[in-house]
Amino acid sequence: MDVTIREAQQQVDEWIKTIGVRYYSELTNLGILMEETGELARIMVRKYGEQSFKESDKKGELADEMADVLWVLLCLANQTGVDLTEALQKNVEKKTNRDAERHKGNDKLK
């Protein structure tokens, strides 16, 4: 099932209102976002970095942690009235205009 970003925002909103009862406060969700980002980072540095896995790390799944980060980001967007589809499109335009030639000349990327 393919879902657009806008549809994902709507799905999360519907879930929160029917199953989740209500949104946590924006600040609570910001804290949760940081927590989930930390869990994602923990897996990334062990899988792709030099750190070794601890037994307690082995149960974490990369895709699930990424989805947790996305979920909370969608919650925050809904709570603050941000249309992430529109925001992402504007962000791509900004980066394209700003960085059109910048990265091509970066020897570190070759």
Protein backbone atom coordinates (compact mmCIF):
# COMPACT_ATOMS: atom_id res chain seq x y z
CA MET A 1 0.00 0.00 0.00
CA ASP A 2 1.60 3.24 -1.15
CA VAL A 3 0.79 6.25 1.01
CA THR A 4 1.56 9.87 0.29
CA ILE A 5 2.94 12.08 3.03
CA ARG A 6 -0.39 13.91 3.20
CA GLU A 7 -2.24 10.60 3.55
CA ALA A 8 0.19 9.51 6.27
CA GLN A 9 -0.55 12.70 8.20
CA GLN A 10 -4.26 11.97 7.89
CA GLN A 11 -3.84 8.33 8.95
CA VAL A 12 -1.88 9.31 12.05
CA ASP A 13 -4.44 11.99 12.91
CA GLU A 14 -7.30 9.50 12.58
CA TRP A 15 -5.44 6.92 14.69
CA ILE A 16 -4.69 9.46 17.42
CA LYS A 17 -8.32 10.59 17.55
CA THR A 18 -9.84 7.09 17.57
CA ILE A 19 -7.31 4.83 19.28
CA GLY A 20 -4.79 7.13 20.90
CA VAL A 21 -7.49 9.27 22.57
CA ARG A 22 -5.62 12.55 22.01
CA TYR A 23 -2.25 13.96 21.03
CA TYR A 24 0.42 14.36 23.69
CA SER A 25 1.49 17.97 24.09
CA GLU A 26 3.86 19.35 21.47
CA LEU A 27 6.72 19.47 23.98
CA THR A 28 6.09 15.88 25.07
CA ASN A 29 6.10 14.81 21.43
CA LEU A 30 9.33 16.72 20.86
CA GLY A 31 10.89 14.75 23.72
CA ILE A 32 9.55 11.51 22.27
CA LEU A 33 11.00 12.47 18.87
CA MET A 34 14.42 12.93 20.47
CA GLU A 35 14.08 9.58 22.25
CA GLU A 36 13.10 7.77 19.05
CA THR A 37 15.90 9.49 17.14
CA GLY A 38 18.32 8.26 19.78
CA GLU A 39 17.06 4.70 19.37
CA LEU A 40 17.55 5.01 15.60
CA ALA A 41 21.04 6.40 16.11
CA ARG A 42 21.93 3.53 18.46
CA ILE A 43 21.11 0.96 15.78
CA MET A 44 22.82 2.95 13.01
CA VAL A 45 26.13 3.34 14.87
CA ARG A 46 26.17 -0.36 15.69
CA LYS A 47 25.14 -1.59 12.25
CA TYR A 48 27.11 0.87 10.10
CA GLY A 49 29.60 2.35 12.55
CA GLU A 50 32.35 0.91 14.67
CA GLN A 51 30.36 0.15 17.83
CA SER A 52 29.50 -3.46 18.53
CA PHE A 53 26.00 -4.64 19.39
CA LYS A 54 25.07 -5.31 22.99
CA GLU A 55 22.63 -8.14 23.61
CA SER A 56 19.89 -5.59 24.37
CA ASP A 57 20.50 -3.85 21.00
CA LYS A 58 19.94 -6.95 18.90
CA LYS A 59 16.16 -6.79 19.15
CA GLY A 60 15.94 -3.31 17.61
CA GLU A 61 14.96 -3.09 13.97
CA LEU A 62 16.16 -0.26 11.77
CA ALA A 63 12.93 0.09 9.75
CA ASP A 64 10.78 0.09 12.89
CA GLU A 65 12.90 2.81 14.51
CA MET A 66 12.71 4.93 11.35
CA ALA A 67 8.94 4.49 11.33
CA ASP A 68 8.78 5.55 14.99
CA VAL A 69 10.66 8.76 14.14
CA LEU A 70 8.35 9.40 11.19
CA TRP A 71 5.23 8.75 13.31
CA VAL A 72 6.16 11.34 15.91
CA LEU A 73 7.22 13.83 13.22
CA LEU A 74 3.81 13.39 11.58
CA CYS A 75 2.16 13.98 14.96
CA LEU A 76 4.11 17.21 15.45
CA ALA A 77 3.25 18.37 11.94
CA ASN A 78 -0.44 17.74 12.58
CA GLN A 79 -0.33 19.53 15.92
CA THR A 80 1.42 22.60 14.55
CA GLY A 81 -0.51 22.86 11.28
CA VAL A 82 2.41 21.98 9.02
CA ASP A 83 1.59 20.35 5.69
CA LEU A 84 4.69 18.19 5.28
CA THR A 85 4.01 17.61 1.57
CA GLU A 86 4.15 21.33 0.92
CA ALA A 87 7.06 21.83 3.32
CA LEU A 88 9.12 19.09 1.66
CA GLN A 89 8.46 20.47 -1.82
CA LYS A 90 9.59 23.94 -0.71
CA ASN A 91 12.64 22.44 0.98
CA VAL A 92 13.67 20.56 -2.17
CA GLU A 93 13.32 23.78 -4.18
CA LYS A 94 15.42 25.68 -1.64
CA LYS A 95 18.18 23.06 -1.68
CA THR A 96 18.10 22.79 -5.47
CA ASN A 97 18.48 26.53 -5.92
CA ARG A 98 21.09 26.90 -3.21
CA ASP A 99 23.17 23.82 -4.00
CA ALA A 100 22.77 23.43 -7.78
CA GLU A 101 26.55 23.39 -8.32
CA ARG A 102 27.91 23.23 -4.79
CA HIS A 103 28.21 19.46 -4.39
CA LYS A 104 29.53 18.76 -7.90
CA GLY A 105 32.74 20.58 -7.03
CA ASN A 106 33.23 18.88 -3.66
CA ASP A 107 36.24 16.54 -3.89
CA LYS A 108 35.12 14.85 -0.67
CA LEU A 109 32.09 13.44 -2.51
CA LYS A 110 34.04 11.92 -5.40
